[in-house]
Amino acid sequence: MVKFAKTKTIPIVGLDYKDKEADGLKWLARYGNPYDLTISDKDGRIGIDFGVYGVPESFLIDKGGIIRYKQIGPITDEALRDKILPLIRELQK
């Protein structure tokens, strides 16, 4: 989970897009699993619903299930500092 402030956290969900589930699990075992929950999307239907067209992609989804931000590519320190964390803070007000 990404932590900010002293008591607030947000869950991080991983979507394994168009991989065999065993391959995704091997990758997580090798490189580490930062996710609170992982979902397998073998046929890409969930990815299509989210508009995935390049991986990795990350989404910030509010409590109502609305996508508020989409990060295409890896999450950089700059994106986290300048876009993602400020938006999370705003959404928690």
PDB file of N, CA and C in Angstrom:
ATOM      1  N   MET A   1       0.834  -1.184   0.000  1.00  0.00           N
ATOM      2  CA  MET A   1       0.000   0.000   0.000  1.00  0.00           C
ATOM      3  C   MET A   1       0.875   1.242   0.000  1.00  0.00           C
ATOM      4  N   VAL A   2       0.384   2.264  -0.638  1.00  0.00           N
ATOM      5  CA  VAL A   2       1.053   3.558  -0.595  1.00  0.00           C
ATOM      6  C   VAL A   2       0.577   4.243   0.673  1.00  0.00           C
ATOM      7  N   LYS A   3       1.504   4.680   1.507  1.00  0.00           N
ATOM      8  CA  LYS A   3       1.115   5.330   2.755  1.00  0.00           C
ATOM      9  C   LYS A   3       1.469   6.798   2.698  1.00  0.00           C
ATOM     10  N   PHE A   4       0.607   7.614   3.192  1.00  0.00           N
ATOM     11  CA  PHE A   4       0.854   9.030   3.349  1.00  0.00           C
ATOM     12  C   PHE A   4       0.002   9.467   4.518  1.00  0.00           C
ATOM     13  N   ALA A   5       0.404  10.523   5.147  1.00  0.00           N
ATOM     14  CA  ALA A   5      -0.161  10.920   6.437  1.00  0.00           C
ATOM     15  C   ALA A   5       0.110   9.772   7.404  1.00  0.00           C
ATOM     16  N   LYS A   6      -0.441   9.794   8.569  1.00  0.00           N
ATOM     17  CA  LYS A   6      -0.102   8.753   9.533  1.00  0.00           C
ATOM     18  C   LYS A   6      -1.044   7.567   9.490  1.00  0.00           C
ATOM     19  N   THR A   7      -2.285   7.762   9.108  1.00  0.00           N
ATOM     20  CA  THR A   7      -3.228   6.663   9.228  1.00  0.00           C
ATOM     21  C   THR A   7      -3.936   6.318   7.933  1.00  0.00           C
ATOM     22  N   LYS A   8      -3.680   7.030   6.857  1.00  0.00           N
ATOM     23  CA  LYS A   8      -4.436   6.796   5.635  1.00  0.00           C
ATOM     24  C   LYS A   8      -3.621   5.977   4.640  1.00  0.00           C
ATOM     25  N   THR A   9      -4.266   4.972   4.071  1.00  0.00           N
ATOM     26  CA  THR A   9      -3.629   4.151   3.045  1.00  0.00           C
ATOM     27  C   THR A   9      -4.627   3.922   1.921  1.00  0.00           C
ATOM     28  N   ILE A  10      -4.095   3.563   0.773  1.00  0.00           N
ATOM     29  CA  ILE A  10      -4.953   3.176  -0.338  1.00  0.00           C
ATOM     30  C   ILE A  10      -4.525   1.787  -0.795  1.00  0.00           C
ATOM     31  N   PRO A  11      -5.468   0.946  -1.167  1.00  0.00           N
ATOM     32  CA  PRO A  11      -5.092  -0.385  -1.650  1.00  0.00           C
ATOM     33  C   PRO A  11      -4.496  -0.296  -3.054  1.00  0.00           C
ATOM     34  N   ILE A  12      -3.522  -1.153  -3.312  1.00  0.00           N
ATOM     35  CA  ILE A  12      -2.896  -1.242  -4.621  1.00  0.00           C
ATOM     36  C   ILE A  12      -3.295  -2.590  -5.222  1.00  0.00           C
ATOM     37  N   VAL A  13      -3.946  -2.543  -6.385  1.00  0.00           N
ATOM     38  CA  VAL A  13      -4.435  -3.751  -7.050  1.00  0.00           C
ATOM     39  C   VAL A  13      -3.631  -3.957  -8.326  1.00  0.00           C
ATOM     40  N   GLY A  14      -3.133  -5.170  -8.519  1.00  0.00           N
ATOM     41  CA  GLY A  14      -2.389  -5.506  -9.729  1.00  0.00           C
ATOM     42  C   GLY A  14      -3.282  -6.252 -10.698  1.00  0.00           C
ATOM     43  N   LEU A  15      -3.224  -5.877 -11.962  1.00  0.00           N
ATOM     44  CA  LEU A  15      -3.980  -6.548 -13.013  1.00  0.00           C
ATOM     45  C   LEU A  15      -2.979  -7.219 -13.943  1.00  0.00           C
ATOM     46  N   ASP A  16      -3.009  -8.537 -13.977  1.00  0.00           N
ATOM     47  CA  ASP A  16      -2.112  -9.303 -14.846  1.00  0.00           C
ATOM     48  C   ASP A  16      -2.787  -9.414 -16.204  1.00  0.00           C
ATOM     49  N   TYR A  17      -2.378  -8.550 -17.113  1.00  0.00           N
ATOM     50  CA  TYR A  17      -3.049  -8.348 -18.397  1.00  0.00           C
ATOM     51  C   TYR A  17      -2.491  -9.287 -19.468  1.00  0.00           C
ATOM     52  N   LYS A  18      -3.333 -10.195 -19.928  1.00  0.00           N
ATOM     53  CA  LYS A  18      -3.051 -11.108 -21.042  1.00  0.00           C
ATOM     54  C   LYS A  18      -1.854 -12.029 -20.816  1.00  0.00           C
ATOM     55  N   ASP A  19      -1.605 -12.393 -19.586  1.00  0.00           N
ATOM     56  CA  ASP A  19      -0.574 -13.377 -19.262  1.00  0.00           C
ATOM     57  C   ASP A  19      -1.250 -14.665 -18.819  1.00  0.00           C
ATOM     58  N   LYS A  20      -0.516 -15.756 -18.901  1.00  0.00           N
ATOM     59  CA  LYS A  20      -0.961 -16.969 -18.236  1.00  0.00           C
ATOM     60  C   LYS A  20      -0.773 -16.714 -16.745  1.00  0.00           C
ATOM     61  N   GLU A  21      -1.731 -17.153 -15.954  1.00  0.00           N
ATOM     62  CA  GLU A  21      -1.678 -16.868 -14.515  1.00  0.00           C
ATOM     63  C   GLU A  21      -0.373 -17.369 -13.893  1.00  0.00           C
ATOM     64  N   ALA A  22       0.085 -18.550 -14.294  1.00  0.00           N
ATOM     65  CA  ALA A  22       1.328 -19.104 -13.745  1.00  0.00           C
ATOM     66  C   ALA A  22       2.517 -18.190 -14.049  1.00  0.00           C
ATOM     67  N   ASP A  23       2.542 -17.601 -15.250  1.00  0.00           N
ATOM     68  CA  ASP A  23       3.636 -16.691 -15.608  1.00  0.00           C
ATOM     69  C   ASP A  23       3.616 -15.435 -14.738  1.00  0.00           C
ATOM     70  N   GLY A  24       2.423 -14.918 -14.497  1.00  0.00           N
ATOM     71  CA  GLY A  24       2.300 -13.746 -13.635  1.00  0.00           C
ATOM     72  C   GLY A  24       2.751 -14.040 -12.214  1.00  0.00           C
ATOM     73  N   LEU A  25       2.380 -15.201 -11.697  1.00  0.00           N
ATOM     74  CA  LEU A  25       2.785 -15.571 -10.345  1.00  0.00           C
ATOM     75  C   LEU A  25       4.296 -15.765 -10.249  1.00  0.00           C
ATOM     76  N   LYS A  26       4.910 -16.330 -11.288  1.00  0.00           N
ATOM     77  CA  LYS A  26       6.373 -16.477 -11.310  1.00  0.00           C
ATOM     78  C   LYS A  26       7.050 -15.113 -11.288  1.00  0.00           C
ATOM     79  N   TRP A  27       6.516 -14.172 -12.063  1.00  0.00           N
ATOM     80  CA  TRP A  27       7.085 -12.818 -12.110  1.00  0.00           C
ATOM     81  C   TRP A  27       7.021 -12.167 -10.730  1.00  0.00           C
ATOM     82  N   LEU A  28       5.868 -12.278 -10.072  1.00  0.00           N
ATOM     83  CA  LEU A  28       5.720 -11.691  -8.738  1.00  0.00           C
ATOM     84  C   LEU A  28       6.650 -12.359  -7.729  1.00  0.00           C
ATOM     85  N   ALA A  29       6.813 -13.682  -7.838  1.00  0.00           N
ATOM     86  CA  ALA A  29       7.712 -14.390  -6.927  1.00  0.00           C
ATOM     87  C   ALA A  29       9.154 -13.937  -7.132  1.00  0.00           C
ATOM     88  N   ARG A  30       9.521 -13.675  -8.370  1.00  0.00           N
ATOM     89  CA  ARG A  30      10.893 -13.274  -8.672  1.00  0.00           C
ATOM     90  C   ARG A  30      11.188 -11.834  -8.269  1.00  0.00           C
ATOM     91  N   TYR A  31      10.260 -10.919  -8.595  1.00  0.00           N
ATOM     92  CA  TYR A  31      10.530  -9.488  -8.411  1.00  0.00           C
ATOM     93  C   TYR A  31       9.861  -8.877  -7.187  1.00  0.00           C
ATOM     94  N   GLY A  32       8.994  -9.640  -6.542  1.00  0.00           N
ATOM     95  CA  GLY A  32       8.299  -9.122  -5.368  1.00  0.00           C
ATOM     96  C   GLY A  32       6.862  -8.743  -5.716  1.00  0.00           C
ATOM     97  N   ASN A  33       6.002  -8.838  -4.738  1.00  0.00           N
ATOM     98  CA  ASN A  33       4.585  -8.554  -4.943  1.00  0.00           C
ATOM     99  C   ASN A  33       4.173  -7.357  -4.094  1.00  0.00           C
ATOM    100  N   PRO A  34       4.061  -6.172  -4.715  1.00  0.00           N
ATOM    101  CA  PRO A  34       3.693  -4.981  -3.959  1.00  0.00           C
ATOM    102  C   PRO A  34       2.181  -4.806  -3.799  1.00  0.00           C
ATOM    103  N   TYR A  35       1.394  -5.738  -4.352  1.00  0.00           N
ATOM    104  CA  TYR A  35      -0.050  -5.551  -4.434  1.00  0.00           C
ATOM    105  C   TYR A  35      -0.785  -6.129  -3.234  1.00  0.00           C
ATOM    106  N   ASP A  36      -1.911  -5.508  -2.905  1.00  0.00           N
ATOM    107  CA  ASP A  36      -2.804  -6.033  -1.885  1.00  0.00           C
ATOM    108  C   ASP A  36      -3.716  -7.097  -2.486  1.00  0.00           C
ATOM    109  N   LEU A  37      -3.969  -6.988  -3.774  1.00  0.00           N
ATOM    110  CA  LEU A  37      -4.842  -7.903  -4.503  1.00  0.00           C
ATOM    111  C   LEU A  37      -4.342  -7.973  -5.938  1.00  0.00           C
ATOM    112  N   THR A  38      -4.330  -9.167  -6.522  1.00  0.00           N
ATOM    113  CA  THR A  38      -3.999  -9.285  -7.945  1.00  0.00           C
ATOM    114  C   THR A  38      -5.155  -9.957  -8.661  1.00  0.00           C
ATOM    115  N   ILE A  39      -5.373  -9.526  -9.892  1.00  0.00           N
ATOM    116  CA  ILE A  39      -6.454 -10.041 -10.725  1.00  0.00           C
ATOM    117  C   ILE A  39      -5.842 -10.521 -12.030  1.00  0.00           C
ATOM    118  N   SER A  40      -6.244 -11.710 -12.467  1.00  0.00           N
ATOM    119  CA  SER A  40      -5.772 -12.252 -13.736  1.00  0.00           C
ATOM    120  C   SER A  40      -6.768 -11.886 -14.833  1.00  0.00           C
ATOM    121  N   ASP A  41      -6.264 -11.343 -15.921  1.00  0.00           N
ATOM    122  CA  ASP A  41      -7.098 -10.910 -17.058  1.00  0.00           C
ATOM    123  C   ASP A  41      -6.563 -11.576 -18.332  1.00  0.00           C
ATOM    124  N   LYS A  42      -6.721 -12.899 -18.409  1.00  0.00           N
ATOM    125  CA  LYS A  42      -6.127 -13.673 -19.502  1.00  0.00           C
ATOM    126  C   LYS A  42      -6.595 -13.242 -20.884  1.00  0.00           C
ATOM    127  N   ASP A  43      -7.869 -12.926 -21.024  1.00  0.00           N
ATOM    128  CA  ASP A  43      -8.379 -12.583 -22.346  1.00  0.00           C
ATOM    129  C   ASP A  43      -8.403 -11.075 -22.612  1.00  0.00           C
ATOM    130  N   GLY A  44      -8.016 -10.267 -21.635  1.00  0.00           N
ATOM    131  CA  GLY A  44      -7.911  -8.829 -21.832  1.00  0.00           C
ATOM    132  C   GLY A  44      -9.206  -8.056 -21.708  1.00  0.00           C
ATOM    133  N   ARG A  45     -10.274  -8.703 -21.290  1.00  0.00           N
ATOM    134  CA  ARG A  45     -11.569  -8.004 -21.209  1.00  0.00           C
ATOM    135  C   ARG A  45     -11.589  -6.903 -20.148  1.00  0.00           C
ATOM    136  N   ILE A  46     -10.995  -7.167 -19.002  1.00  0.00           N
ATOM    137  CA  ILE A  46     -10.954  -6.143 -17.960  1.00  0.00           C
ATOM    138  C   ILE A  46     -10.107  -4.971 -18.446  1.00  0.00           C
ATOM    139  N   GLY A  47      -8.971  -5.285 -19.061  1.00  0.00           N
ATOM    140  CA  GLY A  47      -8.101  -4.244 -19.605  1.00  0.00           C
ATOM    141  C   GLY A  47      -8.814  -3.385 -20.628  1.00  0.00           C
ATOM    142  N   ILE A  48      -9.631  -4.005 -21.474  1.00  0.00           N
ATOM    143  CA  ILE A  48     -10.402  -3.251 -22.464  1.00  0.00           C
ATOM    144  C   ILE A  48     -11.367  -2.299 -21.768  1.00  0.00           C
ATOM    145  N   ASP A  49     -12.031  -2.785 -20.721  1.00  0.00           N
ATOM    146  CA  ASP A  49     -12.959  -1.928 -19.966  1.00  0.00           C
ATOM    147  C   ASP A  49     -12.256  -0.710 -19.372  1.00  0.00           C
ATOM    148  N   PHE A  50     -10.983  -0.884 -18.983  1.00  0.00           N
ATOM    149  CA  PHE A  50     -10.218   0.212 -18.401  1.00  0.00           C
ATOM    150  C   PHE A  50      -9.471   1.023 -19.452  1.00  0.00           C
ATOM    151  N   GLY A  51      -9.528   0.605 -20.706  1.00  0.00           N
ATOM    152  CA  GLY A  51      -8.846   1.348 -21.760  1.00  0.00           C
ATOM    153  C   GLY A  51      -7.346   1.098 -21.799  1.00  0.00           C
ATOM    154  N   VAL A  52      -6.904  -0.078 -21.339  1.00  0.00           N
ATOM    155  CA  VAL A  52      -5.485  -0.404 -21.362  1.00  0.00           C
ATOM    156  C   VAL A  52      -5.024  -0.546 -22.806  1.00  0.00           C
ATOM    157  N   TYR A  53      -3.924   0.124 -23.138  1.00  0.00           N
ATOM    158  CA  TYR A  53      -3.339  -0.050 -24.464  1.00  0.00           C
ATOM    159  C   TYR A  53      -1.834  -0.127 -24.438  1.00  0.00           C
ATOM    160  N   GLY A  54      -1.252   0.007 -23.296  1.00  0.00           N
ATOM    161  CA  GLY A  54       0.186  -0.154 -23.127  1.00  0.00           C
ATOM    162  C   GLY A  54       0.458  -0.488 -21.684  1.00  0.00           C
ATOM    163  N   VAL A  55       1.313  -1.427 -21.459  1.00  0.00           N
ATOM    164  CA  VAL A  55       1.586  -1.808 -20.080  1.00  0.00           C
ATOM    165  C   VAL A  55       3.020  -1.462 -19.732  1.00  0.00           C
ATOM    166  N   PRO A  56       3.317  -1.067 -18.519  1.00  0.00           N
ATOM    167  CA  PRO A  56       2.357  -1.003 -17.423  1.00  0.00           C
ATOM    168  C   PRO A  56       1.508   0.264 -17.471  1.00  0.00           C
ATOM    169  N   GLU A  57       0.340   0.148 -16.910  1.00  0.00           N
ATOM    170  CA  GLU A  57      -0.550   1.296 -16.720  1.00  0.00           C
ATOM    171  C   GLU A  57      -1.087   1.218 -15.304  1.00  0.00           C
ATOM    172  N   SER A  58      -1.284   2.359 -14.684  1.00  0.00           N
ATOM    173  CA  SER A  58      -1.816   2.429 -13.329  1.00  0.00           C
ATOM    174  C   SER A  58      -2.986   3.395 -13.316  1.00  0.00           C
ATOM    175  N   PHE A  59      -3.976   3.068 -12.505  1.00  0.00           N
ATOM    176  CA  PHE A  59      -5.186   3.871 -12.425  1.00  0.00           C
ATOM    177  C   PHE A  59      -5.441   4.274 -10.982  1.00  0.00           C
ATOM    178  N   LEU A  60      -5.881   5.483 -10.793  1.00  0.00           N
ATOM    179  CA  LEU A  60      -6.336   5.945  -9.490  1.00  0.00           C
ATOM    180  C   LEU A  60      -7.858   5.988  -9.582  1.00  0.00           C
ATOM    181  N   ILE A  61      -8.508   5.153  -8.783  1.00  0.00           N
ATOM    182  CA  ILE A  61      -9.963   5.012  -8.830  1.00  0.00           C
ATOM    183  C   ILE A  61     -10.532   5.494  -7.507  1.00  0.00           C
ATOM    184  N   ASP A  62     -11.527   6.374  -7.579  1.00  0.00           N
ATOM    185  CA  ASP A  62     -12.086   6.925  -6.345  1.00  0.00           C
ATOM    186  C   ASP A  62     -13.033   5.939  -5.667  1.00  0.00           C
ATOM    187  N   LYS A  63     -13.545   6.316  -4.521  1.00  0.00           N
ATOM    188  CA  LYS A  63     -14.418   5.436  -3.741  1.00  0.00           C
ATOM    189  C   LYS A  63     -15.696   5.068  -4.481  1.00  0.00           C
ATOM    190  N   GLY A  64     -16.089   5.891  -5.437  1.00  0.00           N
ATOM    191  CA  GLY A  64     -17.291   5.615  -6.227  1.00  0.00           C
ATOM    192  C   GLY A  64     -17.022   4.760  -7.452  1.00  0.00           C
ATOM    193  N   GLY A  65     -15.761   4.353  -7.641  1.00  0.00           N
ATOM    194  CA  GLY A  65     -15.411   3.501  -8.777  1.00  0.00           C
ATOM    195  C   GLY A  65     -15.094   4.264 -10.050  1.00  0.00           C
ATOM    196  N   ILE A  66     -14.914   5.576  -9.963  1.00  0.00           N
ATOM    197  CA  ILE A  66     -14.618   6.402 -11.142  1.00  0.00           C
ATOM    198  C   ILE A  66     -13.108   6.556 -11.286  1.00  0.00           C
ATOM    199  N   ILE A  67     -12.604   6.307 -12.496  1.00  0.00           N
ATOM    200  CA  ILE A  67     -11.176   6.489 -12.761  1.00  0.00           C
ATOM    201  C   ILE A  67     -10.884   7.981 -12.742  1.00  0.00           C
ATOM    202  N   ARG A  68      -9.985   8.394 -11.845  1.00  0.00           N
ATOM    203  CA  ARG A  68      -9.628   9.803 -11.710  1.00  0.00           C
ATOM    204  C   ARG A  68      -8.278  10.141 -12.320  1.00  0.00           C
ATOM    205  N   TYR A  69      -7.432   9.110 -12.535  1.00  0.00           N
ATOM    206  CA  TYR A  69      -6.118   9.353 -13.118  1.00  0.00           C
ATOM    207  C   TYR A  69      -5.612   8.061 -13.737  1.00  0.00           C
ATOM    208  N   LYS A  70      -4.935   8.198 -14.867  1.00  0.00           N
ATOM    209  CA  LYS A  70      -4.340   7.056 -15.547  1.00  0.00           C
ATOM    210  C   LYS A  70      -2.877   7.382 -15.831  1.00  0.00           C
ATOM    211  N   GLN A  71      -1.974   6.550 -15.311  1.00  0.00           N
ATOM    212  CA  GLN A  71      -0.543   6.695 -15.550  1.00  0.00           C
ATOM    213  C   GLN A  71      -0.138   5.652 -16.569  1.00  0.00           C
ATOM    214  N   ILE A  72       0.316   6.085 -17.722  1.00  0.00           N
ATOM    215  CA  ILE A  72       0.808   5.171 -18.742  1.00  0.00           C
ATOM    216  C   ILE A  72       2.311   5.031 -18.557  1.00  0.00           C
ATOM    217  N   GLY A  73       2.772   3.802 -18.430  1.00  0.00           N
ATOM    218  CA  GLY A  73       4.179   3.542 -18.165  1.00  0.00           C
ATOM    219  C   GLY A  73       4.420   3.418 -16.675  1.00  0.00           C
ATOM    220  N   PRO A  74       5.668   3.219 -16.290  1.00  0.00           N
ATOM    221  CA  PRO A  74       5.971   3.053 -14.871  1.00  0.00           C
ATOM    222  C   PRO A  74       5.654   4.313 -14.070  1.00  0.00           C
ATOM    223  N   ILE A  75       5.379   4.126 -12.806  1.00  0.00           N
ATOM    224  CA  ILE A  75       5.161   5.270 -11.920  1.00  0.00           C
ATOM    225  C   ILE A  75       6.526   5.811 -11.528  1.00  0.00           C
ATOM    226  N   THR A  76       6.805   7.003 -11.982  1.00  0.00           N
ATOM    227  CA  THR A  76       8.080   7.651 -11.664  1.00  0.00           C
ATOM    228  C   THR A  76       7.949   8.437 -10.366  1.00  0.00           C
ATOM    229  N   ASP A  77       9.088   8.789  -9.785  1.00  0.00           N
ATOM    230  CA  ASP A  77       9.060   9.639  -8.585  1.00  0.00           C
ATOM    231  C   ASP A  77       8.337  10.948  -8.875  1.00  0.00           C
ATOM    232  N   GLU A  78       8.573  11.509 -10.057  1.00  0.00           N
ATOM    233  CA  GLU A  78       7.942  12.775 -10.441  1.00  0.00           C
ATOM    234  C   GLU A  78       6.424  12.636 -10.535  1.00  0.00           C
ATOM    235  N   ALA A  79       5.944  11.575 -11.185  1.00  0.00           N
ATOM    236  CA  ALA A  79       4.499  11.371 -11.312  1.00  0.00           C
ATOM    237  C   ALA A  79       3.859  11.169  -9.948  1.00  0.00           C
ATOM    238  N   LEU A  80       4.528  10.394  -9.097  1.00  0.00           N
ATOM    239  CA  LEU A  80       3.998  10.158  -7.763  1.00  0.00           C
ATOM    240  C   LEU A  80       3.914  11.460  -6.974  1.00  0.00           C
ATOM    241  N   ARG A  81       4.984  12.235  -6.998  1.00  0.00           N
ATOM    242  CA  ARG A  81       5.070  13.489  -6.231  1.00  0.00           C
ATOM    243  C   ARG A  81       4.137  14.569  -6.790  1.00  0.00           C
ATOM    244  N   ASP A  82       4.134  14.736  -8.118  1.00  0.00           N
ATOM    245  CA  ASP A  82       3.447  15.884  -8.717  1.00  0.00           C
ATOM    246  C   ASP A  82       1.995  15.630  -9.104  1.00  0.00           C
ATOM    247  N   LYS A  83       1.625  14.375  -9.320  1.00  0.00           N
ATOM    248  CA  LYS A  83       0.274  14.093  -9.805  1.00  0.00           C
ATOM    249  C   LYS A  83      -0.517  13.173  -8.875  1.00  0.00           C
ATOM    250  N   ILE A  84       0.046  12.008  -8.599  1.00  0.00           N
ATOM    251  CA  ILE A  84      -0.728  10.967  -7.925  1.00  0.00           C
ATOM    252  C   ILE A  84      -1.011  11.303  -6.461  1.00  0.00           C
ATOM    253  N   LEU A  85       0.025  11.579  -5.681  1.00  0.00           N
ATOM    254  CA  LEU A  85      -0.203  11.878  -4.260  1.00  0.00           C
ATOM    255  C   LEU A  85      -1.057  13.121  -4.039  1.00  0.00           C
ATOM    256  N   PRO A  86      -0.834  14.214  -4.797  1.00  0.00           N
ATOM    257  CA  PRO A  86      -1.741  15.357  -4.601  1.00  0.00           C
ATOM    258  C   PRO A  86      -3.208  15.027  -4.915  1.00  0.00           C
ATOM    259  N   LEU A  87      -3.429  14.222  -5.935  1.00  0.00           N
ATOM    260  CA  LEU A  87      -4.803  13.856  -6.276  1.00  0.00           C
ATOM    261  C   LEU A  87      -5.411  12.957  -5.183  1.00  0.00           C
ATOM    262  N   ILE A  88      -4.631  12.042  -4.649  1.00  0.00           N
ATOM    263  CA  ILE A  88      -5.126  11.199  -3.552  1.00  0.00           C
ATOM    264  C   ILE A  88      -5.517  12.071  -2.362  1.00  0.00           C
ATOM    265  N   ARG A  89      -4.677  13.015  -2.035  1.00  0.00           N
ATOM    266  CA  ARG A  89      -4.987  13.918  -0.916  1.00  0.00           C
ATOM    267  C   ARG A  89      -6.283  14.681  -1.174  1.00  0.00           C
ATOM    268  N   GLU A  90      -6.448  15.153  -2.395  1.00  0.00           N
ATOM    269  CA  GLU A  90      -7.654  15.897  -2.764  1.00  0.00           C
ATOM    270  C   GLU A  90      -8.898  15.018  -2.662  1.00  0.00           C
ATOM    271  N   LEU A  91      -8.794  13.794  -3.129  1.00  0.00           N
ATOM    272  CA  LEU A  91      -9.940  12.887  -3.109  1.00  0.00           C
ATOM    273  C   LEU A  91     -10.327  12.458  -1.698  1.00  0.00           C
ATOM    274  N   GLN A  92      -9.398  12.525  -0.774  1.00  0.00           N
ATOM    275  CA  GLN A  92      -9.707  12.120   0.598  1.00  0.00           C
ATOM    276  C   GLN A  92     -10.341  13.220   1.423  1.00  0.00           C
ATOM    277  N   LYS A  93     -10.464  14.413   0.876  1.00  0.00           N
ATOM    278  CA  LYS A  93     -11.085  15.510   1.630  1.00  0.00           C
ATOM    279  C   LYS A  93     -12.566  15.286   1.781  1.00  0.00           C
TER     280      LYS A  93
END
